[in-house]
């Protein structure tokens, strides 16, 4: 397991424990399909998520990528980058994660049927 993956797992576990049992949504894990769709390395998306949890989650609930459209994230992130002491590479990694994941297909809930073509 890569260092970034270990950090992501630990950050997710810490956030879940810190939630005191409250149902709390965490930003989704990036998949190989997300990386391919965004034309980026999977490790880069994982790093962005880890930084999002660590840097943004230290002051407030980390945002979910679908809270804003992909085109909105750069401006939203600009507003917070200085307050969270992000360096340029950290800001870019978080932005890349948020932009790619904002455009991710909506996951099908467990037990639910995926949409099918209209029947005749």
PDB file of N, CA and C in Angstrom:
ATOM      1  N   UNK A   1       0.858  -1.170   0.000  1.00  0.00           N
ATOM      2  CA  UNK A   1       0.000   0.000   0.000  1.00  0.00           C
ATOM      3  C   UNK A   1       0.900   1.228   0.000  1.00  0.00           C
ATOM      4  N   UNK A   2       0.546   2.198  -0.832  1.00  0.00           N
ATOM      5  CA  UNK A   2       1.356   3.404  -0.925  1.00  0.00           C
ATOM      6  C   UNK A   2       1.181   4.276   0.314  1.00  0.00           C
ATOM      7  N   UNK A   3       2.118   5.174   0.498  1.00  0.00           N
ATOM      8  CA  UNK A   3       2.053   6.087   1.644  1.00  0.00           C
ATOM      9  C   UNK A   3       0.785   6.940   1.591  1.00  0.00           C
ATOM     10  N   UNK A   4       0.441   7.427   0.384  1.00  0.00           N
ATOM     11  CA  UNK A   4      -0.761   8.258   0.229  1.00  0.00           C
ATOM     12  C   UNK A   4      -2.013   7.466   0.579  1.00  0.00           C
ATOM     13  N   UNK A   5      -2.055   6.199   0.179  1.00  0.00           N
ATOM     14  CA  UNK A   5      -3.219   5.368   0.486  1.00  0.00           C
ATOM     15  C   UNK A   5      -3.327   5.117   1.985  1.00  0.00           C
ATOM     16  N   UNK A   6      -2.203   4.889   2.634  1.00  0.00           N
ATOM     17  CA  UNK A   6      -2.203   4.679   4.087  1.00  0.00           C
ATOM     18  C   UNK A   6      -2.681   5.936   4.794  1.00  0.00           C
ATOM     19  N   UNK A   7      -2.190   7.095   4.354  1.00  0.00           N
ATOM     20  CA  UNK A   7      -2.609   8.356   4.961  1.00  0.00           C
ATOM     21  C   UNK A   7      -4.107   8.567   4.759  1.00  0.00           C
ATOM     22  N   UNK A   8      -4.612   8.252   3.567  1.00  0.00           N
ATOM     23  CA  UNK A   8      -6.035   8.418   3.292  1.00  0.00           C
ATOM     24  C   UNK A   8      -6.875   7.533   4.199  1.00  0.00           C
ATOM     25  N   UNK A   9      -6.439   6.296   4.387  1.00  0.00           N
ATOM     26  CA  UNK A   9      -7.167   5.377   5.262  1.00  0.00           C
ATOM     27  C   UNK A   9      -7.142   5.882   6.699  1.00  0.00           C
ATOM     28  N   UNK A  10      -5.982   6.318   7.165  1.00  0.00           N
ATOM     29  CA  UNK A  10      -5.877   6.828   8.532  1.00  0.00           C
ATOM     30  C   UNK A  10      -6.702   8.097   8.722  1.00  0.00           C
ATOM     31  N   UNK A  11      -6.690   8.983   7.741  1.00  0.00           N
ATOM     32  CA  UNK A  11      -7.470  10.216   7.840  1.00  0.00           C
ATOM     33  C   UNK A  11      -8.961   9.913   7.872  1.00  0.00           C
ATOM     34  N   UNK A  12      -9.391   8.971   7.040  1.00  0.00           N
ATOM     35  CA  UNK A  12     -10.809   8.590   7.027  1.00  0.00           C
ATOM     36  C   UNK A  12     -11.204   7.959   8.353  1.00  0.00           C
ATOM     37  N   UNK A  13     -10.334   7.111   8.903  1.00  0.00           N
ATOM     38  CA  UNK A  13     -10.625   6.486  10.193  1.00  0.00           C
ATOM     39  C   UNK A  13     -10.684   7.526  11.300  1.00  0.00           C
ATOM     40  N   UNK A  14      -9.756   8.453  11.302  1.00  0.00           N
ATOM     41  CA  UNK A  14      -9.747   9.498  12.329  1.00  0.00           C
ATOM     42  C   UNK A  14     -10.996  10.366  12.228  1.00  0.00           C
ATOM     43  N   UNK A  15     -11.412  10.682  11.009  1.00  0.00           N
ATOM     44  CA  UNK A  15     -12.611  11.493  10.831  1.00  0.00           C
ATOM     45  C   UNK A  15     -13.852  10.744  11.299  1.00  0.00           C
ATOM     46  N   UNK A  16     -13.895   9.441  11.029  1.00  0.00           N
ATOM     47  CA  UNK A  16     -15.042   8.641  11.455  1.00  0.00           C
ATOM     48  C   UNK A  16     -15.099   8.540  12.970  1.00  0.00           C
ATOM     49  N   UNK A  17     -13.968   8.356  13.605  1.00  0.00           N
ATOM     50  CA  UNK A  17     -13.918   8.260  15.068  1.00  0.00           C
ATOM     51  C   UNK A  17     -14.257   9.608  15.683  1.00  0.00           C
ATOM     52  N   UNK A  18     -13.714  10.668  15.121  1.00  0.00           N
ATOM     53  CA  UNK A  18     -13.955  12.013  15.636  1.00  0.00           C
ATOM     54  C   UNK A  18     -15.391  12.455  15.473  1.00  0.00           C
ATOM     55  N   UNK A  19     -16.152  11.796  14.599  1.00  0.00           N
ATOM     56  CA  UNK A  19     -17.541  12.154  14.372  1.00  0.00           C
ATOM     57  C   UNK A  19     -18.451  11.769  15.508  1.00  0.00           C
ATOM     58  N   UNK A  20     -17.956  11.025  16.501  1.00  0.00           N
ATOM     59  CA  UNK A  20     -18.756  10.667  17.655  1.00  0.00           C
ATOM     60  C   UNK A  20     -19.988   9.866  17.308  1.00  0.00           C
ATOM     61  N   UNK A  21     -19.908   9.062  16.245  1.00  0.00           N
ATOM     62  CA  UNK A  21     -21.031   8.229  15.880  1.00  0.00           C
ATOM     63  C   UNK A  21     -22.015   8.918  14.954  1.00  0.00           C
ATOM     64  N   UNK A  22     -21.817  10.173  14.670  1.00  0.00           N
ATOM     65  CA  UNK A  22     -22.714  10.889  13.760  1.00  0.00           C
ATOM     66  C   UNK A  22     -22.495  10.385  12.344  1.00  0.00           C
ATOM     67  N   UNK A  23     -23.574  10.311  11.598  1.00  0.00           N
ATOM     68  CA  UNK A  23     -23.441   9.954  10.192  1.00  0.00           C
ATOM     69  C   UNK A  23     -22.792  11.139   9.498  1.00  0.00           C
ATOM     70  N   UNK A  24     -21.646  10.915   8.935  1.00  0.00           N
ATOM     71  CA  UNK A  24     -20.887  12.005   8.351  1.00  0.00           C
ATOM     72  C   UNK A  24     -20.387  11.574   6.983  1.00  0.00           C
ATOM     73  N   UNK A  25     -20.658  12.347   5.990  1.00  0.00           N
ATOM     74  CA  UNK A  25     -20.217  12.012   4.642  1.00  0.00           C
ATOM     75  C   UNK A  25     -18.779  12.447   4.451  1.00  0.00           C
ATOM     76  N   UNK A  26     -17.979  11.538   3.968  1.00  0.00           N
ATOM     77  CA  UNK A  26     -16.596  11.848   3.623  1.00  0.00           C
ATOM     78  C   UNK A  26     -16.490  11.964   2.114  1.00  0.00           C
ATOM     79  N   UNK A  27     -15.556  12.752   1.627  1.00  0.00           N
ATOM     80  CA  UNK A  27     -15.347  12.817   0.184  1.00  0.00           C
ATOM     81  C   UNK A  27     -15.057  11.414  -0.352  1.00  0.00           C
ATOM     82  N   UNK A  28     -15.576  11.105  -1.532  1.00  0.00           N
ATOM     83  CA  UNK A  28     -15.419   9.747  -2.069  1.00  0.00           C
ATOM     84  C   UNK A  28     -13.968   9.429  -2.426  1.00  0.00           C
ATOM     85  N   UNK A  29     -13.658   8.159  -2.346  1.00  0.00           N
ATOM     86  CA  UNK A  29     -12.348   7.680  -2.784  1.00  0.00           C
ATOM     87  C   UNK A  29     -12.310   7.715  -4.306  1.00  0.00           C
ATOM     88  N   UNK A  30     -11.196   8.094  -4.845  1.00  0.00           N
ATOM     89  CA  UNK A  30     -11.016   8.087  -6.299  1.00  0.00           C
ATOM     90  C   UNK A  30     -10.740   6.668  -6.754  1.00  0.00           C
ATOM     91  N   UNK A  31     -11.234   6.327  -7.922  1.00  0.00           N
ATOM     92  CA  UNK A  31     -11.044   4.996  -8.496  1.00  0.00           C
ATOM     93  C   UNK A  31     -10.176   5.106  -9.746  1.00  0.00           C
ATOM     94  N   UNK A  32      -9.687   3.976 -10.233  1.00  0.00           N
ATOM     95  CA  UNK A  32      -8.953   4.009 -11.503  1.00  0.00           C
ATOM     96  C   UNK A  32      -9.801   4.607 -12.637  1.00  0.00           C
ATOM     97  N   UNK A  33     -11.113   4.362 -12.618  1.00  0.00           N
ATOM     98  CA  UNK A  33     -11.991   4.931 -13.655  1.00  0.00           C
ATOM     99  C   UNK A  33     -12.018   6.458 -13.560  1.00  0.00           C
ATOM    100  N   UNK A  34     -12.009   6.992 -12.334  1.00  0.00           N
ATOM    101  CA  UNK A  34     -11.974   8.452 -12.157  1.00  0.00           C
ATOM    102  C   UNK A  34     -10.675   9.017 -12.722  1.00  0.00           C
ATOM    103  N   UNK A  35      -9.564   8.353 -12.419  1.00  0.00           N
ATOM    104  CA  UNK A  35      -8.262   8.816 -12.904  1.00  0.00           C
ATOM    105  C   UNK A  35      -8.214   8.798 -14.431  1.00  0.00           C
ATOM    106  N   UNK A  36      -8.755   7.742 -15.021  1.00  0.00           N
ATOM    107  CA  UNK A  36      -8.763   7.648 -16.480  1.00  0.00           C
ATOM    108  C   UNK A  36      -9.658   8.733 -17.077  1.00  0.00           C
ATOM    109  N   UNK A  37     -10.824   8.920 -16.508  1.00  0.00           N
ATOM    110  CA  UNK A  37     -11.760   9.937 -16.994  1.00  0.00           C
ATOM    111  C   UNK A  37     -11.151  11.335 -16.899  1.00  0.00           C
ATOM    112  N   UNK A  38     -10.412  11.601 -15.808  1.00  0.00           N
ATOM    113  CA  UNK A  38      -9.790  12.906 -15.614  1.00  0.00           C
ATOM    114  C   UNK A  38      -8.425  13.048 -16.247  1.00  0.00           C
ATOM    115  N   UNK A  39      -7.944  11.949 -16.850  1.00  0.00           N
ATOM    116  CA  UNK A  39      -6.629  11.937 -17.488  1.00  0.00           C
ATOM    117  C   UNK A  39      -5.525  12.356 -16.512  1.00  0.00           C
ATOM    118  N   UNK A  40      -5.598  11.795 -15.283  1.00  0.00           N
ATOM    119  CA  UNK A  40      -4.600  12.056 -14.243  1.00  0.00           C
ATOM    120  C   UNK A  40      -4.227  10.728 -13.586  1.00  0.00           C
ATOM    121  N   UNK A  41      -3.140  10.747 -12.858  1.00  0.00           N
ATOM    122  CA  UNK A  41      -2.716   9.565 -12.125  1.00  0.00           C
ATOM    123  C   UNK A  41      -3.629   9.352 -10.916  1.00  0.00           C
ATOM    124  N   UNK A  42      -3.948   8.100 -10.626  1.00  0.00           N
ATOM    125  CA  UNK A  42      -4.774   7.777  -9.464  1.00  0.00           C
ATOM    126  C   UNK A  42      -4.110   8.275  -8.184  1.00  0.00           C
ATOM    127  N   UNK A  43      -2.799   8.142  -8.080  1.00  0.00           N
ATOM    128  CA  UNK A  43      -2.076   8.607  -6.885  1.00  0.00           C
ATOM    129  C   UNK A  43      -2.256  10.104  -6.678  1.00  0.00           C
ATOM    130  N   UNK A  44      -2.358  10.857  -7.762  1.00  0.00           N
ATOM    131  CA  UNK A  44      -2.564  12.299  -7.660  1.00  0.00           C
ATOM    132  C   UNK A  44      -3.933  12.612  -7.063  1.00  0.00           C
ATOM    133  N   UNK A  45      -4.958  11.883  -7.489  1.00  0.00           N
ATOM    134  CA  UNK A  45      -6.297  12.080  -6.929  1.00  0.00           C
ATOM    135  C   UNK A  45      -6.332  11.663  -5.464  1.00  0.00           C
ATOM    136  N   UNK A  46      -5.665  10.570  -5.137  1.00  0.00           N
ATOM    137  CA  UNK A  46      -5.623  10.115  -3.743  1.00  0.00           C
ATOM    138  C   UNK A  46      -4.910  11.140  -2.865  1.00  0.00           C
ATOM    139  N   UNK A  47      -3.836  11.716  -3.380  1.00  0.00           N
ATOM    140  CA  UNK A  47      -3.118  12.745  -2.634  1.00  0.00           C
ATOM    141  C   UNK A  47      -4.018  13.961  -2.400  1.00  0.00           C
ATOM    142  N   UNK A  48      -4.763  14.366  -3.427  1.00  0.00           N
ATOM    143  CA  UNK A  48      -5.676  15.494  -3.294  1.00  0.00           C
ATOM    144  C   UNK A  48      -6.732  15.248  -2.232  1.00  0.00           C
ATOM    145  N   UNK A  49      -7.283  14.042  -2.199  1.00  0.00           N
ATOM    146  CA  UNK A  49      -8.292  13.705  -1.186  1.00  0.00           C
ATOM    147  C   UNK A  49      -7.680  13.721   0.210  1.00  0.00           C
ATOM    148  N   UNK A  50      -6.495  13.149   0.337  1.00  0.00           N
ATOM    149  CA  UNK A  50      -5.813  13.128   1.633  1.00  0.00           C
ATOM    150  C   UNK A  50      -5.560  14.543   2.136  1.00  0.00           C
ATOM    151  N   UNK A  51      -5.082  15.416   1.259  1.00  0.00           N
ATOM    152  CA  UNK A  51      -4.842  16.809   1.640  1.00  0.00           C
ATOM    153  C   UNK A  51      -6.149  17.514   1.989  1.00  0.00           C
ATOM    154  N   UNK A  52      -7.200  17.224   1.244  1.00  0.00           N
ATOM    155  CA  UNK A  52      -8.506  17.815   1.523  1.00  0.00           C
ATOM    156  C   UNK A  52      -8.963  17.437   2.933  1.00  0.00           C
ATOM    157  N   UNK A  53      -8.829  16.167   3.279  1.00  0.00           N
ATOM    158  CA  UNK A  53      -9.226  15.709   4.613  1.00  0.00           C
ATOM    159  C   UNK A  53      -8.367  16.358   5.694  1.00  0.00           C
ATOM    160  N   UNK A  54      -7.062  16.409   5.447  1.00  0.00           N
ATOM    161  CA  UNK A  54      -6.138  16.920   6.460  1.00  0.00           C
ATOM    162  C   UNK A  54      -6.199  18.442   6.596  1.00  0.00           C
ATOM    163  N   UNK A  55      -6.123  19.134   5.486  1.00  0.00           N
ATOM    164  CA  UNK A  55      -6.047  20.594   5.525  1.00  0.00           C
ATOM    165  C   UNK A  55      -7.420  21.234   5.753  1.00  0.00           C
ATOM    166  N   UNK A  56      -8.418  20.798   5.000  1.00  0.00           N
ATOM    167  CA  UNK A  56      -9.750  21.409   5.123  1.00  0.00           C
ATOM    168  C   UNK A  56     -10.483  20.853   6.342  1.00  0.00           C
ATOM    169  N   UNK A  57     -10.307  19.553   6.577  1.00  0.00           N
ATOM    170  CA  UNK A  57     -11.002  18.904   7.678  1.00  0.00           C
ATOM    171  C   UNK A  57     -10.483  19.273   9.050  1.00  0.00           C
ATOM    172  N   UNK A  58      -9.366  19.989   9.115  1.00  0.00           N
ATOM    173  CA  UNK A  58      -8.850  20.392  10.426  1.00  0.00           C
ATOM    174  C   UNK A  58      -9.662  21.545  11.009  1.00  0.00           C
ATOM    175  N   UNK A  59     -10.373  22.301  10.153  1.00  0.00           N
ATOM    176  CA  UNK A  59     -11.170  23.437  10.632  1.00  0.00           C
ATOM    177  C   UNK A  59     -12.675  23.209  10.505  1.00  0.00           C
ATOM    178  N   UNK A  60     -13.078  22.451   9.496  1.00  0.00           N
ATOM    179  CA  UNK A  60     -14.507  22.231   9.254  1.00  0.00           C
ATOM    180  C   UNK A  60     -14.684  20.924   8.506  1.00  0.00           C
ATOM    181  N   UNK A  61     -15.922  20.536   8.327  1.00  0.00           N
ATOM    182  CA  UNK A  61     -16.223  19.322   7.571  1.00  0.00           C
ATOM    183  C   UNK A  61     -15.681  19.492   6.157  1.00  0.00           C
ATOM    184  N   UNK A  62     -14.883  18.543   5.669  1.00  0.00           N
ATOM    185  CA  UNK A  62     -14.332  18.708   4.319  1.00  0.00           C
ATOM    186  C   UNK A  62     -15.466  18.730   3.289  1.00  0.00           C
ATOM    187  N   UNK A  63     -15.334  19.565   2.284  1.00  0.00           N
ATOM    188  CA  UNK A  63     -16.391  19.643   1.275  1.00  0.00           C
ATOM    189  C   UNK A  63     -16.453  18.379   0.426  1.00  0.00           C
ATOM    190  N   UNK A  64     -17.630  18.107  -0.068  1.00  0.00           N
ATOM    191  CA  UNK A  64     -17.815  17.001  -1.002  1.00  0.00           C
ATOM    192  C   UNK A  64     -17.677  17.555  -2.413  1.00  0.00           C
ATOM    193  N   UNK A  65     -17.030  16.820  -3.305  1.00  0.00           N
ATOM    194  CA  UNK A  65     -16.817  17.338  -4.663  1.00  0.00           C
ATOM    195  C   UNK A  65     -18.095  17.787  -5.368  1.00  0.00           C
ATOM    196  N   UNK A  66     -19.211  17.111  -5.113  1.00  0.00           N
ATOM    197  CA  UNK A  66     -20.460  17.449  -5.803  1.00  0.00           C
ATOM    198  C   UNK A  66     -21.172  18.668  -5.212  1.00  0.00           C
ATOM    199  N   UNK A  67     -20.599  19.273  -4.171  1.00  0.00           N
ATOM    200  CA  UNK A  67     -21.209  20.476  -3.605  1.00  0.00           C
ATOM    201  C   UNK A  67     -21.167  21.646  -4.588  1.00  0.00           C
ATOM    202  N   UNK A  68     -20.238  21.591  -5.528  1.00  0.00           N
ATOM    203  CA  UNK A  68     -20.107  22.636  -6.544  1.00  0.00           C
ATOM    204  C   UNK A  68     -19.757  21.969  -7.866  1.00  0.00           C
ATOM    205  N   UNK A  69     -20.002  22.676  -8.948  1.00  0.00           N
ATOM    206  CA  UNK A  69     -19.625  22.180 -10.261  1.00  0.00           C
ATOM    207  C   UNK A  69     -18.116  22.246 -10.445  1.00  0.00           C
ATOM    208  N   UNK A  70     -17.628  21.462 -11.374  1.00  0.00           N
ATOM    209  CA  UNK A  70     -16.183  21.419 -11.626  1.00  0.00           C
ATOM    210  C   UNK A  70     -15.614  22.805 -11.924  1.00  0.00           C
ATOM    211  N   UNK A  71     -16.348  23.617 -12.671  1.00  0.00           N
ATOM    212  CA  UNK A  71     -15.858  24.946 -13.038  1.00  0.00           C
ATOM    213  C   UNK A  71     -15.816  25.904 -11.842  1.00  0.00           C
ATOM    214  N   UNK A  72     -16.588  25.620 -10.804  1.00  0.00           N
ATOM    215  CA  UNK A  72     -16.637  26.495  -9.631  1.00  0.00           C
ATOM    216  C   UNK A  72     -15.504  26.243  -8.639  1.00  0.00           C
ATOM    217  N   UNK A  73     -14.958  25.027  -8.623  1.00  0.00           N
ATOM    218  CA  UNK A  73     -13.977  24.672  -7.591  1.00  0.00           C
ATOM    219  C   UNK A  73     -12.728  25.537  -7.567  1.00  0.00           C
ATOM    220  N   UNK A  74     -12.132  25.888  -8.700  1.00  0.00           N
ATOM    221  CA  UNK A  74     -10.927  26.725  -8.602  1.00  0.00           C
ATOM    222  C   UNK A  74     -11.160  28.017  -7.830  1.00  0.00           C
ATOM    223  N   UNK A  75     -12.272  28.701  -8.070  1.00  0.00           N
ATOM    224  CA  UNK A  75     -12.569  29.936  -7.349  1.00  0.00           C
ATOM    225  C   UNK A  75     -12.854  29.696  -5.880  1.00  0.00           C
ATOM    226  N   UNK A  76     -13.608  28.643  -5.589  1.00  0.00           N
ATOM    227  CA  UNK A  76     -13.922  28.308  -4.200  1.00  0.00           C
ATOM    228  C   UNK A  76     -12.645  27.991  -3.434  1.00  0.00           C
ATOM    229  N   UNK A  77     -11.760  27.239  -4.070  1.00  0.00           N
ATOM    230  CA  UNK A  77     -10.513  26.851  -3.424  1.00  0.00           C
ATOM    231  C   UNK A  77      -9.616  28.069  -3.214  1.00  0.00           C
ATOM    232  N   UNK A  78      -9.643  28.984  -4.148  1.00  0.00           N
ATOM    233  CA  UNK A  78      -8.835  30.204  -4.024  1.00  0.00           C
ATOM    234  C   UNK A  78      -9.208  30.962  -2.757  1.00  0.00           C
ATOM    235  N   UNK A  79     -10.521  30.986  -2.450  1.00  0.00           N
ATOM    236  CA  UNK A  79     -10.997  31.676  -1.250  1.00  0.00           C
ATOM    237  C   UNK A  79     -10.384  31.092   0.027  1.00  0.00           C
ATOM    238  N   UNK A  80     -10.159  29.798   0.058  1.00  0.00           N
ATOM    239  CA  UNK A  80      -9.709  29.137   1.272  1.00  0.00           C
ATOM    240  C   UNK A  80      -8.212  28.825   1.311  1.00  0.00           C
ATOM    241  N   UNK A  81      -7.533  28.877   0.181  1.00  0.00           N
ATOM    242  CA  UNK A  81      -6.134  28.448   0.106  1.00  0.00           C
ATOM    243  C   UNK A  81      -5.224  29.205   1.078  1.00  0.00           C
ATOM    244  N   UNK A  82      -5.378  30.504   1.170  1.00  0.00           N
ATOM    245  CA  UNK A  82      -4.510  31.295   2.055  1.00  0.00           C
ATOM    246  C   UNK A  82      -4.796  30.986   3.520  1.00  0.00           C
ATOM    247  N   UNK A  83      -6.082  30.874   3.855  1.00  0.00           N
ATOM    248  CA  UNK A  83      -6.443  30.594   5.259  1.00  0.00           C
ATOM    249  C   UNK A  83      -5.944  29.236   5.734  1.00  0.00           C
ATOM    250  N   UNK A  84      -5.878  28.273   4.817  1.00  0.00           N
ATOM    251  CA  UNK A  84      -5.454  26.928   5.208  1.00  0.00           C
ATOM    252  C   UNK A  84      -3.967  26.688   4.968  1.00  0.00           C
ATOM    253  N   UNK A  85      -3.234  27.747   4.607  1.00  0.00           N
ATOM    254  CA  UNK A  85      -1.785  27.664   4.390  1.00  0.00           C
ATOM    255  C   UNK A  85      -1.394  26.599   3.374  1.00  0.00           C
ATOM    256  N   UNK A  86      -2.119  26.550   2.258  1.00  0.00           N
ATOM    257  CA  UNK A  86      -1.780  25.597   1.204  1.00  0.00           C
ATOM    258  C   UNK A  86      -0.648  26.153   0.356  1.00  0.00           C
ATOM    259  N   UNK A  87       0.337  25.308   0.073  1.00  0.00           N
ATOM    260  CA  UNK A  87       1.327  25.736  -0.911  1.00  0.00           C
ATOM    261  C   UNK A  87       0.748  25.423  -2.291  1.00  0.00           C
ATOM    262  N   UNK A  88       1.422  25.854  -3.339  1.00  0.00           N
ATOM    263  CA  UNK A  88       0.880  25.731  -4.687  1.00  0.00           C
ATOM    264  C   UNK A  88       0.638  24.272  -5.079  1.00  0.00           C
ATOM    265  N   UNK A  89       1.543  23.374  -4.736  1.00  0.00           N
ATOM    266  CA  UNK A  89       1.363  21.970  -5.124  1.00  0.00           C
ATOM    267  C   UNK A  89       0.196  21.337  -4.360  1.00  0.00           C
ATOM    268  N   UNK A  90       0.010  21.709  -3.097  1.00  0.00           N
ATOM    269  CA  UNK A  90      -1.125  21.192  -2.332  1.00  0.00           C
ATOM    270  C   UNK A  90      -2.438  21.708  -2.907  1.00  0.00           C
ATOM    271  N   UNK A  91      -2.459  22.990  -3.232  1.00  0.00           N
ATOM    272  CA  UNK A  91      -3.670  23.583  -3.799  1.00  0.00           C
ATOM    273  C   UNK A  91      -4.029  22.902  -5.116  1.00  0.00           C
ATOM    274  N   UNK A  92      -3.037  22.675  -5.959  1.00  0.00           N
ATOM    275  CA  UNK A  92      -3.283  22.024  -7.249  1.00  0.00           C
ATOM    276  C   UNK A  92      -3.797  20.598  -7.069  1.00  0.00           C
ATOM    277  N   UNK A  93      -3.232  19.867  -6.112  1.00  0.00           N
ATOM    278  CA  UNK A  93      -3.669  18.483  -5.875  1.00  0.00           C
ATOM    279  C   UNK A  93      -5.116  18.442  -5.391  1.00  0.00           C
ATOM    280  N   UNK A  94      -5.462  19.319  -4.468  1.00  0.00           N
ATOM    281  CA  UNK A  94      -6.840  19.367  -3.968  1.00  0.00           C
ATOM    282  C   UNK A  94      -7.791  19.785  -5.084  1.00  0.00           C
ATOM    283  N   UNK A  95      -7.401  20.787  -5.843  1.00  0.00           N
ATOM    284  CA  UNK A  95      -8.240  21.257  -6.955  1.00  0.00           C
ATOM    285  C   UNK A  95      -8.454  20.145  -7.975  1.00  0.00           C
ATOM    286  N   UNK A  96      -7.389  19.449  -8.330  1.00  0.00           N
ATOM    287  CA  UNK A  96      -7.487  18.353  -9.306  1.00  0.00           C
ATOM    288  C   UNK A  96      -8.489  17.309  -8.806  1.00  0.00           C
ATOM    289  N   UNK A  97      -8.369  16.928  -7.532  1.00  0.00           N
ATOM    290  CA  UNK A  97      -9.285  15.946  -6.949  1.00  0.00           C
ATOM    291  C   UNK A  97     -10.733  16.454  -7.018  1.00  0.00           C
ATOM    292  N   UNK A  98     -10.976  17.686  -6.551  1.00  0.00           N
ATOM    293  CA  UNK A  98     -12.336  18.220  -6.512  1.00  0.00           C
ATOM    294  C   UNK A  98     -12.942  18.355  -7.909  1.00  0.00           C
ATOM    295  N   UNK A  99     -12.171  18.836  -8.863  1.00  0.00           N
ATOM    296  CA  UNK A  99     -12.674  19.021 -10.226  1.00  0.00           C
ATOM    297  C   UNK A  99     -13.003  17.678 -10.867  1.00  0.00           C
ATOM    298  N   UNK A 100     -12.093  16.722 -10.784  1.00  0.00           N
ATOM    299  CA  UNK A 100     -12.333  15.412 -11.391  1.00  0.00           C
ATOM    300  C   UNK A 100     -13.513  14.713 -10.725  1.00  0.00           C
ATOM    301  N   UNK A 101     -13.541  14.746  -9.409  1.00  0.00           N
ATOM    302  CA  UNK A 101     -14.595  14.020  -8.692  1.00  0.00           C
ATOM    303  C   UNK A 101     -15.955  14.716  -8.777  1.00  0.00           C
ATOM    304  N   UNK A 102     -15.981  16.017  -9.020  1.00  0.00           N
ATOM    305  CA  UNK A 102     -17.249  16.727  -9.202  1.00  0.00           C
ATOM    306  C   UNK A 102     -17.961  16.236 -10.457  1.00  0.00           C
ATOM    307  N   UNK A 103     -17.185  15.754 -11.407  1.00  0.00           N
ATOM    308  CA  UNK A 103     -17.741  15.275 -12.678  1.00  0.00           C
ATOM    309  C   UNK A 103     -17.950  13.764 -12.701  1.00  0.00           C
ATOM    310  N   UNK A 104     -17.722  13.096 -11.577  1.00  0.00           N
ATOM    311  CA  UNK A 104     -17.858  11.640 -11.523  1.00  0.00           C
ATOM    312  C   UNK A 104     -19.323  11.245 -11.678  1.00  0.00           C
ATOM    313  N   UNK A 105     -19.572  10.120 -12.345  1.00  0.00           N
ATOM    314  CA  UNK A 105     -20.951   9.631 -12.451  1.00  0.00           C
ATOM    315  C   UNK A 105     -21.513   9.353 -11.059  1.00  0.00           C
ATOM    316  N   UNK A 106     -22.798   9.540 -10.901  1.00  0.00           N
ATOM    317  CA  UNK A 106     -23.443   9.278  -9.624  1.00  0.00           C
ATOM    318  C   UNK A 106     -23.417   7.778  -9.358  1.00  0.00           C
ATOM    319  N   UNK A 107     -22.890   7.372  -8.179  1.00  0.00           N
ATOM    320  CA  UNK A 107     -22.850   5.946  -7.879  1.00  0.00           C
ATOM    321  C   UNK A 107     -24.257   5.406  -7.637  1.00  0.00           C
ATOM    322  N   UNK A 108     -24.454   4.140  -7.991  1.00  0.00           N
ATOM    323  CA  UNK A 108     -25.732   3.476  -7.761  1.00  0.00           C
ATOM    324  C   UNK A 108     -25.704   2.923  -6.344  1.00  0.00           C
ATOM    325  N   UNK A 109     -26.728   3.211  -5.563  1.00  0.00           N
ATOM    326  CA  UNK A 109     -26.793   2.732  -4.184  1.00  0.00           C
ATOM    327  C   UNK A 109     -26.865   1.212  -4.155  1.00  0.00           C
ATOM    328  N   UNK A 110     -26.299   0.627  -3.101  1.00  0.00           N
ATOM    329  CA  UNK A 110     -26.322  -0.823  -2.947  1.00  0.00           C
ATOM    330  C   UNK A 110     -27.764  -1.302  -2.926  1.00  0.00           C
ATOM    331  N   UNK A 111     -28.050  -2.305  -3.722  1.00  0.00           N
ATOM    332  CA  UNK A 111     -29.384  -2.876  -3.765  1.00  0.00           C
ATOM    333  C   UNK A 111     -30.306  -2.178  -4.745  1.00  0.00           C
ATOM    334  N   UNK A 112     -29.894  -1.030  -5.268  1.00  0.00           N
ATOM    335  CA  UNK A 112     -30.721  -0.317  -6.236  1.00  0.00           C
ATOM    336  C   UNK A 112     -30.338  -0.750  -7.640  1.00  0.00           C
ATOM    337  N   UNK A 113     -31.297  -0.675  -8.530  1.00  0.00           N
ATOM    338  CA  UNK A 113     -31.028  -1.043  -9.911  1.00  0.00           C
ATOM    339  C   UNK A 113     -30.484   0.162 -10.663  1.00  0.00           C
ATOM    340  N   UNK A 114     -29.537  -0.102 -11.525  1.00  0.00           N
ATOM    341  CA  UNK A 114     -29.015   0.960 -12.380  1.00  0.00           C
ATOM    342  C   UNK A 114     -30.066   1.346 -13.403  1.00  0.00           C
ATOM    343  N   UNK A 115     -30.091   2.588 -13.844  1.00  0.00           N
ATOM    344  CA  UNK A 115     -31.073   2.989 -14.859  1.00  0.00           C
ATOM    345  C   UNK A 115     -30.906   2.145 -16.117  1.00  0.00           C
ATOM    346  N   UNK A 116     -32.002   1.773 -16.700  1.00  0.00           N
ATOM    347  CA  UNK A 116     -31.964   0.958 -17.919  1.00  0.00           C
ATOM    348  C   UNK A 116     -32.598   1.729 -19.050  1.00  0.00           C
ATOM    349  N   UNK A 117     -32.346   1.249 -20.255  1.00  0.00           N
ATOM    350  CA  UNK A 117     -32.940   1.897 -21.418  1.00  0.00           C
ATOM    351  C   UNK A 117     -34.456   1.731 -21.350  1.00  0.00           C
ATOM    352  N   UNK A 118     -35.167   2.688 -21.902  1.00  0.00           N
ATOM    353  CA  UNK A 118     -36.627   2.650 -21.871  1.00  0.00           C
ATOM    354  C   UNK A 118     -37.109   1.451 -22.668  1.00  0.00           C
ATOM    355  N   UNK A 119     -38.035   0.718 -22.073  1.00  0.00           N
ATOM    356  CA  UNK A 119     -38.574  -0.481 -22.731  1.00  0.00           C
ATOM    357  C   UNK A 119     -39.713  -0.100 -23.644  1.00  0.00           C
ATOM    358  N   UNK A 120     -39.869  -0.878 -24.728  1.00  0.00           N
ATOM    359  CA  UNK A 120     -40.970  -0.627 -25.682  1.00  0.00           C
ATOM    360  C   UNK A 120     -42.194  -1.394 -25.280  1.00  0.00           C
TER     361      UNK A 120
END
